[in-house]
């Protein structure tokens, strides 16, 4: 048996499936394959700002994507889809993402039944008069915050400004508190852009 008697051969790049596969992590990079091309990539986000960088060493190609706007759970999938489209165009492949599939993404490639969150109700009454909730509160794991009373909400029916509870937490945490109709429980809605651009996620604050 002689190993030198075998004919040399090379592995060709697979044409199917066209997947975006990540299988290893090291030195701050995620290693994977896209359409058979080796790649390393990494992503990061802060609130509504998201970035993604990917490098294809064999193609001598690198790509950096960034996005701003309302934070959606499928924002990562949309960025990867655009990343694959750009790779197809620059590499001369036929892109599967076009003007038809791009506008309906992730459909028809993936069925989606995701619903937008319902708005926080502002017309429910609290268990106690609002001024009773004004003061300072604290919790060992959460820290301290202040609850105030201000005129912020315009009522169409009465034509007057409605008094709303406000919550201040740290240097940037400013919220409006709205009763949930369940005892001394409130929805916490952010005031500044940092919280408004998030996907409507709110926490419930309970009065002792």
C-alpha atoms as a PDB file:
ATOM      1  CA  UNK A   1       0.000   0.000   0.000  1.00  0.00           C
ATOM      2  CA  UNK A   2       1.524   3.276  -1.110  1.00  0.00           C
ATOM      3  CA  UNK A   3      -0.054   6.620  -0.207  1.00  0.00           C
ATOM      4  CA  UNK A   4       1.817   8.234  -3.088  1.00  0.00           C
ATOM      5  CA  UNK A   5      -0.129   6.096  -5.549  1.00  0.00           C
ATOM      6  CA  UNK A   6      -3.379   8.029  -4.986  1.00  0.00           C
ATOM      7  CA  UNK A   7      -4.355  10.815  -7.328  1.00  0.00           C
ATOM      8  CA  UNK A   8      -4.627  14.231  -5.620  1.00  0.00           C
ATOM      9  CA  UNK A   9      -8.022  15.894  -5.499  1.00  0.00           C
ATOM     10  CA  UNK A  10      -9.584  19.042  -4.076  1.00  0.00           C
ATOM     11  CA  UNK A  11     -12.914  19.633  -2.383  1.00  0.00           C
ATOM     12  CA  UNK A  12     -15.192  21.877  -4.409  1.00  0.00           C
ATOM     13  CA  UNK A  13     -17.375  24.559  -2.879  1.00  0.00           C
ATOM     14  CA  UNK A  14     -20.885  23.167  -2.307  1.00  0.00           C
ATOM     15  CA  UNK A  15     -23.720  24.710  -4.300  1.00  0.00           C
ATOM     16  CA  UNK A  16     -26.462  23.609  -1.867  1.00  0.00           C
ATOM     17  CA  UNK A  17     -27.645  24.389   0.723  1.00  0.00           C
ATOM     18  CA  UNK A  18     -27.156  28.163   0.716  1.00  0.00           C
ATOM     19  CA  UNK A  19     -26.865  28.497   4.458  1.00  0.00           C
ATOM     20  CA  UNK A  20     -25.452  31.004   6.918  1.00  0.00           C
ATOM     21  CA  UNK A  21     -23.832  28.664   9.445  1.00  0.00           C
ATOM     22  CA  UNK A  22     -21.909  29.562  12.601  1.00  0.00           C
ATOM     23  CA  UNK A  23     -20.247  26.771  14.538  1.00  0.00           C
ATOM     24  CA  UNK A  24     -17.256  27.998  16.537  1.00  0.00           C
ATOM     25  CA  UNK A  25     -16.061  30.966  18.597  1.00  0.00           C
ATOM     26  CA  UNK A  26     -12.582  32.123  19.483  1.00  0.00           C
ATOM     27  CA  UNK A  27     -10.440  35.257  19.905  1.00  0.00           C
ATOM     28  CA  UNK A  28     -13.543  37.450  19.762  1.00  0.00           C
ATOM     29  CA  UNK A  29     -14.772  36.097  16.415  1.00  0.00           C
ATOM     30  CA  UNK A  30     -17.545  33.722  15.368  1.00  0.00           C
ATOM     31  CA  UNK A  31     -16.433  31.254  12.688  1.00  0.00           C
ATOM     32  CA  UNK A  32     -18.805  29.898  10.075  1.00  0.00           C
ATOM     33  CA  UNK A  33     -19.631  29.411   6.413  1.00  0.00           C
ATOM     34  CA  UNK A  34     -21.838  31.158   3.866  1.00  0.00           C
ATOM     35  CA  UNK A  35     -22.507  29.313   0.601  1.00  0.00           C
ATOM     36  CA  UNK A  36     -19.414  27.259   1.325  1.00  0.00           C
ATOM     37  CA  UNK A  37     -17.179  30.296   1.824  1.00  0.00           C
ATOM     38  CA  UNK A  38     -15.338  30.391   5.144  1.00  0.00           C
ATOM     39  CA  UNK A  39     -16.111  33.498   7.181  1.00  0.00           C
ATOM     40  CA  UNK A  40     -15.584  35.094  10.571  1.00  0.00           C
ATOM     41  CA  UNK A  41     -18.070  37.607  11.938  1.00  0.00           C
ATOM     42  CA  UNK A  42     -19.163  39.451  15.060  1.00  0.00           C
ATOM     43  CA  UNK A  43     -22.115  41.625  16.040  1.00  0.00           C
ATOM     44  CA  UNK A  44     -23.024  44.096  18.733  1.00  0.00           C
ATOM     45  CA  UNK A  45     -25.904  46.312  19.776  1.00  0.00           C
ATOM     46  CA  UNK A  46     -26.875  49.014  22.219  1.00  0.00           C
ATOM     47  CA  UNK A  47     -30.568  49.880  22.494  1.00  0.00           C
ATOM     48  CA  UNK A  48     -31.633  50.761  18.928  1.00  0.00           C
ATOM     49  CA  UNK A  49     -28.108  50.821  17.405  1.00  0.00           C
ATOM     50  CA  UNK A  50     -26.821  47.567  15.902  1.00  0.00           C
ATOM     51  CA  UNK A  51     -23.666  46.621  13.991  1.00  0.00           C
ATOM     52  CA  UNK A  52     -22.395  43.504  12.247  1.00  0.00           C
ATOM     53  CA  UNK A  53     -18.987  42.903  10.675  1.00  0.00           C
ATOM     54  CA  UNK A  54     -18.143  39.851   8.554  1.00  0.00           C
ATOM     55  CA  UNK A  55     -14.935  38.809   6.779  1.00  0.00           C
ATOM     56  CA  UNK A  56     -14.574  36.231   3.983  1.00  0.00           C
ATOM     57  CA  UNK A  57     -10.784  35.521   3.905  1.00  0.00           C
ATOM     58  CA  UNK A  58     -10.877  33.370   0.754  1.00  0.00           C
ATOM     59  CA  UNK A  59     -12.635  36.148  -1.166  1.00  0.00           C
ATOM     60  CA  UNK A  60     -10.491  38.944   0.264  1.00  0.00           C
ATOM     61  CA  UNK A  61     -13.777  40.623   1.166  1.00  0.00           C
ATOM     62  CA  UNK A  62     -15.095  42.289   4.331  1.00  0.00           C
ATOM     63  CA  UNK A  63     -18.401  43.962   5.116  1.00  0.00           C
ATOM     64  CA  UNK A  64     -19.578  46.241   7.913  1.00  0.00           C
ATOM     65  CA  UNK A  65     -23.299  46.887   8.440  1.00  0.00           C
ATOM     66  CA  UNK A  66     -24.996  49.230  10.873  1.00  0.00           C
ATOM     67  CA  UNK A  67     -28.602  50.159  11.542  1.00  0.00           C
ATOM     68  CA  UNK A  68     -30.616  52.627  13.613  1.00  0.00           C
ATOM     69  CA  UNK A  69     -34.298  52.821  14.383  1.00  0.00           C
ATOM     70  CA  UNK A  70     -36.886  51.011  16.411  1.00  0.00           C
ATOM     71  CA  UNK A  71     -35.518  47.847  17.914  1.00  0.00           C
ATOM     72  CA  UNK A  72     -37.190  44.733  16.557  1.00  0.00           C
ATOM     73  CA  UNK A  73     -36.387  41.154  17.446  1.00  0.00           C
ATOM     74  CA  UNK A  74     -35.999  40.244  13.766  1.00  0.00           C
ATOM     75  CA  UNK A  75     -33.582  43.141  13.117  1.00  0.00           C
ATOM     76  CA  UNK A  76     -30.686  40.671  13.246  1.00  0.00           C
ATOM     77  CA  UNK A  77     -32.309  38.461  10.597  1.00  0.00           C
ATOM     78  CA  UNK A  78     -32.840  41.460   8.320  1.00  0.00           C
ATOM     79  CA  UNK A  79     -29.190  42.491   8.612  1.00  0.00           C
ATOM     80  CA  UNK A  80     -27.998  38.960   7.803  1.00  0.00           C
ATOM     81  CA  UNK A  81     -30.321  38.844   4.776  1.00  0.00           C
ATOM     82  CA  UNK A  82     -28.842  42.097   3.456  1.00  0.00           C
ATOM     83  CA  UNK A  83     -25.356  40.804   4.194  1.00  0.00           C
ATOM     84  CA  UNK A  84     -26.001  37.682   2.103  1.00  0.00           C
ATOM     85  CA  UNK A  85     -27.468  39.805  -0.701  1.00  0.00           C
ATOM     86  CA  UNK A  86     -24.392  42.059  -0.825  1.00  0.00           C
ATOM     87  CA  UNK A  87     -22.102  39.019  -0.878  1.00  0.00           C
ATOM     88  CA  UNK A  88     -24.071  37.529  -3.783  1.00  0.00           C
ATOM     89  CA  UNK A  89     -23.878  40.737  -5.807  1.00  0.00           C
ATOM     90  CA  UNK A  90     -20.179  41.360  -5.175  1.00  0.00           C
ATOM     91  CA  UNK A  91     -19.286  37.727  -5.838  1.00  0.00           C
ATOM     92  CA  UNK A  92     -21.347  37.416  -9.024  1.00  0.00           C
ATOM     93  CA  UNK A  93     -23.874  34.922  -7.617  1.00  0.00           C
ATOM     94  CA  UNK A  94     -27.618  35.106  -8.243  1.00  0.00           C
ATOM     95  CA  UNK A  95     -29.152  36.686  -5.111  1.00  0.00           C
ATOM     96  CA  UNK A  96     -32.202  35.024  -3.598  1.00  0.00           C
ATOM     97  CA  UNK A  97     -33.228  38.335  -1.998  1.00  0.00           C
ATOM     98  CA  UNK A  98     -34.837  40.684  -4.535  1.00  0.00           C
ATOM     99  CA  UNK A  99     -37.437  43.465  -4.707  1.00  0.00           C
ATOM    100  CA  UNK A 100     -40.219  40.939  -4.116  1.00  0.00           C
ATOM    101  CA  UNK A 101     -38.800  38.923  -1.239  1.00  0.00           C
ATOM    102  CA  UNK A 102     -37.089  41.955   0.280  1.00  0.00           C
ATOM    103  CA  UNK A 103     -40.326  43.847   0.940  1.00  0.00           C
ATOM    104  CA  UNK A 104     -42.095  40.851   2.501  1.00  0.00           C
ATOM    105  CA  UNK A 105     -39.090  39.490   4.445  1.00  0.00           C
ATOM    106  CA  UNK A 106     -39.059  37.017   6.155  1.00  0.00           C
ATOM    107  CA  UNK A 107     -42.018  35.809   4.086  1.00  0.00           C
ATOM    108  CA  UNK A 108     -42.310  33.792   1.843  1.00  0.00           C
ATOM    109  CA  UNK A 109     -39.069  32.210   3.055  1.00  0.00           C
ATOM    110  CA  UNK A 110     -40.398  31.981   6.590  1.00  0.00           C
ATOM    111  CA  UNK A 111     -43.937  32.325   7.905  1.00  0.00           C
ATOM    112  CA  UNK A 112     -44.312  35.004  10.524  1.00  0.00           C
ATOM    113  CA  UNK A 113     -47.213  35.538  12.910  1.00  0.00           C
ATOM    114  CA  UNK A 114     -45.546  38.149  15.057  1.00  0.00           C
ATOM    115  CA  UNK A 115     -47.823  40.899  16.359  1.00  0.00           C
ATOM    116  CA  UNK A 116     -46.874  44.391  17.440  1.00  0.00           C
ATOM    117  CA  UNK A 117     -47.225  45.069  21.167  1.00  0.00           C
ATOM    118  CA  UNK A 118     -50.406  46.749  22.350  1.00  0.00           C
ATOM    119  CA  UNK A 119     -50.073  50.365  23.537  1.00  0.00           C
ATOM    120  CA  UNK A 120     -50.032  51.024  27.263  1.00  0.00           C
ATOM    121  CA  UNK A 121     -53.507  52.150  28.432  1.00  0.00           C
ATOM    122  CA  UNK A 122     -53.576  55.633  29.955  1.00  0.00           C
ATOM    123  CA  UNK A 123     -57.204  55.875  31.082  1.00  0.00           C
ATOM    124  CA  UNK A 124     -57.217  53.406  33.989  1.00  0.00           C
ATOM    125  CA  UNK A 125     -57.457  54.671  37.555  1.00  0.00           C
ATOM    126  CA  UNK A 126     -55.030  53.851  40.332  1.00  0.00           C
ATOM    127  CA  UNK A 127     -56.098  52.302  43.618  1.00  0.00           C
ATOM    128  CA  UNK A 128     -55.112  55.426  45.592  1.00  0.00           C
ATOM    129  CA  UNK A 129     -55.001  59.156  44.778  1.00  0.00           C
ATOM    130  CA  UNK A 130     -51.869  59.798  42.705  1.00  0.00           C
ATOM    131  CA  UNK A 131     -50.316  62.112  45.300  1.00  0.00           C
ATOM    132  CA  UNK A 132     -50.187  59.157  47.716  1.00  0.00           C
ATOM    133  CA  UNK A 133     -47.561  57.483  45.528  1.00  0.00           C
ATOM    134  CA  UNK A 134     -45.167  60.459  45.468  1.00  0.00           C
ATOM    135  CA  UNK A 135     -41.891  59.807  47.268  1.00  0.00           C
ATOM    136  CA  UNK A 136     -38.666  57.827  47.225  1.00  0.00           C
ATOM    137  CA  UNK A 137     -38.482  54.065  46.867  1.00  0.00           C
ATOM    138  CA  UNK A 138     -35.641  51.597  47.065  1.00  0.00           C
ATOM    139  CA  UNK A 139     -34.741  47.959  46.728  1.00  0.00           C
ATOM    140  CA  UNK A 140     -31.336  46.366  47.496  1.00  0.00           C
ATOM    141  CA  UNK A 141     -30.895  44.865  44.041  1.00  0.00           C
ATOM    142  CA  UNK A 142     -32.504  47.663  42.045  1.00  0.00           C
ATOM    143  CA  UNK A 143     -31.405  50.814  43.836  1.00  0.00           C
ATOM    144  CA  UNK A 144     -33.421  53.961  44.587  1.00  0.00           C
ATOM    145  CA  UNK A 145     -35.814  55.949  42.426  1.00  0.00           C
ATOM    146  CA  UNK A 146     -38.140  58.908  42.863  1.00  0.00           C
ATOM    147  CA  UNK A 147     -41.836  59.116  41.995  1.00  0.00           C
ATOM    148  CA  UNK A 148     -43.205  62.589  41.206  1.00  0.00           C
ATOM    149  CA  UNK A 149     -46.497  64.048  40.011  1.00  0.00           C
ATOM    150  CA  UNK A 150     -46.664  66.229  36.899  1.00  0.00           C
ATOM    151  CA  UNK A 151     -49.033  67.409  34.152  1.00  0.00           C
ATOM    152  CA  UNK A 152     -48.006  65.607  30.985  1.00  0.00           C
ATOM    153  CA  UNK A 153     -50.986  63.942  29.304  1.00  0.00           C
ATOM    154  CA  UNK A 154     -53.523  65.957  27.280  1.00  0.00           C
ATOM    155  CA  UNK A 155     -57.103  64.713  27.620  1.00  0.00           C
ATOM    156  CA  UNK A 156     -59.145  65.272  24.458  1.00  0.00           C
ATOM    157  CA  UNK A 157     -62.529  64.938  26.185  1.00  0.00           C
ATOM    158  CA  UNK A 158     -61.897  67.477  28.951  1.00  0.00           C
ATOM    159  CA  UNK A 159     -59.437  69.678  27.056  1.00  0.00           C
ATOM    160  CA  UNK A 160     -57.122  69.743  30.056  1.00  0.00           C
ATOM    161  CA  UNK A 161     -53.723  68.414  30.991  1.00  0.00           C
ATOM    162  CA  UNK A 162     -53.966  65.230  33.011  1.00  0.00           C
ATOM    163  CA  UNK A 163     -51.725  64.676  36.000  1.00  0.00           C
ATOM    164  CA  UNK A 164     -49.408  61.729  35.531  1.00  0.00           C
ATOM    165  CA  UNK A 165     -46.993  60.007  37.864  1.00  0.00           C
ATOM    166  CA  UNK A 166     -43.365  60.285  36.849  1.00  0.00           C
ATOM    167  CA  UNK A 167     -40.447  58.083  37.795  1.00  0.00           C
ATOM    168  CA  UNK A 168     -36.786  59.137  37.884  1.00  0.00           C
ATOM    169  CA  UNK A 169     -34.099  56.476  38.081  1.00  0.00           C
ATOM    170  CA  UNK A 170     -30.433  57.380  37.742  1.00  0.00           C
ATOM    171  CA  UNK A 171     -29.254  60.070  35.323  1.00  0.00           C
ATOM    172  CA  UNK A 172     -31.162  58.990  32.209  1.00  0.00           C
ATOM    173  CA  UNK A 173     -34.105  56.965  33.442  1.00  0.00           C
ATOM    174  CA  UNK A 174     -37.255  59.102  33.131  1.00  0.00           C
ATOM    175  CA  UNK A 175     -40.621  57.381  32.858  1.00  0.00           C
ATOM    176  CA  UNK A 176     -44.360  57.934  33.069  1.00  0.00           C
ATOM    177  CA  UNK A 177     -46.326  55.573  35.310  1.00  0.00           C
ATOM    178  CA  UNK A 178     -49.808  54.457  34.250  1.00  0.00           C
ATOM    179  CA  UNK A 179     -52.157  52.371  36.351  1.00  0.00           C
ATOM    180  CA  UNK A 180     -52.829  48.846  35.099  1.00  0.00           C
ATOM    181  CA  UNK A 181     -56.183  48.596  36.875  1.00  0.00           C
ATOM    182  CA  UNK A 182     -54.788  45.863  39.108  1.00  0.00           C
ATOM    183  CA  UNK A 183     -54.467  47.424  42.553  1.00  0.00           C
ATOM    184  CA  UNK A 184     -51.283  49.445  43.078  1.00  0.00           C
ATOM    185  CA  UNK A 185     -49.624  48.202  39.912  1.00  0.00           C
ATOM    186  CA  UNK A 186     -48.301  50.551  37.194  1.00  0.00           C
ATOM    187  CA  UNK A 187     -46.904  50.324  33.696  1.00  0.00           C
ATOM    188  CA  UNK A 188     -43.579  52.109  33.265  1.00  0.00           C
ATOM    189  CA  UNK A 189     -43.221  53.944  29.926  1.00  0.00           C
ATOM    190  CA  UNK A 190     -39.956  55.649  28.945  1.00  0.00           C
ATOM    191  CA  UNK A 191     -39.944  59.355  28.093  1.00  0.00           C
ATOM    192  CA  UNK A 192     -36.706  59.963  26.177  1.00  0.00           C
ATOM    193  CA  UNK A 193     -35.650  58.519  22.821  1.00  0.00           C
ATOM    194  CA  UNK A 194     -33.535  55.788  24.355  1.00  0.00           C
ATOM    195  CA  UNK A 195     -36.675  54.114  25.677  1.00  0.00           C
ATOM    196  CA  UNK A 196     -39.120  55.259  22.990  1.00  0.00           C
ATOM    197  CA  UNK A 197     -37.079  53.530  20.273  1.00  0.00           C
ATOM    198  CA  UNK A 198     -37.186  50.212  22.079  1.00  0.00           C
ATOM    199  CA  UNK A 199     -39.900  47.805  21.126  1.00  0.00           C
ATOM    200  CA  UNK A 200     -42.506  48.936  23.639  1.00  0.00           C
ATOM    201  CA  UNK A 201     -41.067  46.826  26.419  1.00  0.00           C
ATOM    202  CA  UNK A 202     -42.229  48.008  29.833  1.00  0.00           C
ATOM    203  CA  UNK A 203     -41.823  46.939  33.415  1.00  0.00           C
ATOM    204  CA  UNK A 204     -44.455  46.856  36.101  1.00  0.00           C
ATOM    205  CA  UNK A 205     -43.921  48.835  39.268  1.00  0.00           C
ATOM    206  CA  UNK A 206     -45.770  47.756  42.420  1.00  0.00           C
ATOM    207  CA  UNK A 207     -46.603  50.162  45.232  1.00  0.00           C
ATOM    208  CA  UNK A 208     -45.976  48.567  48.678  1.00  0.00           C
END
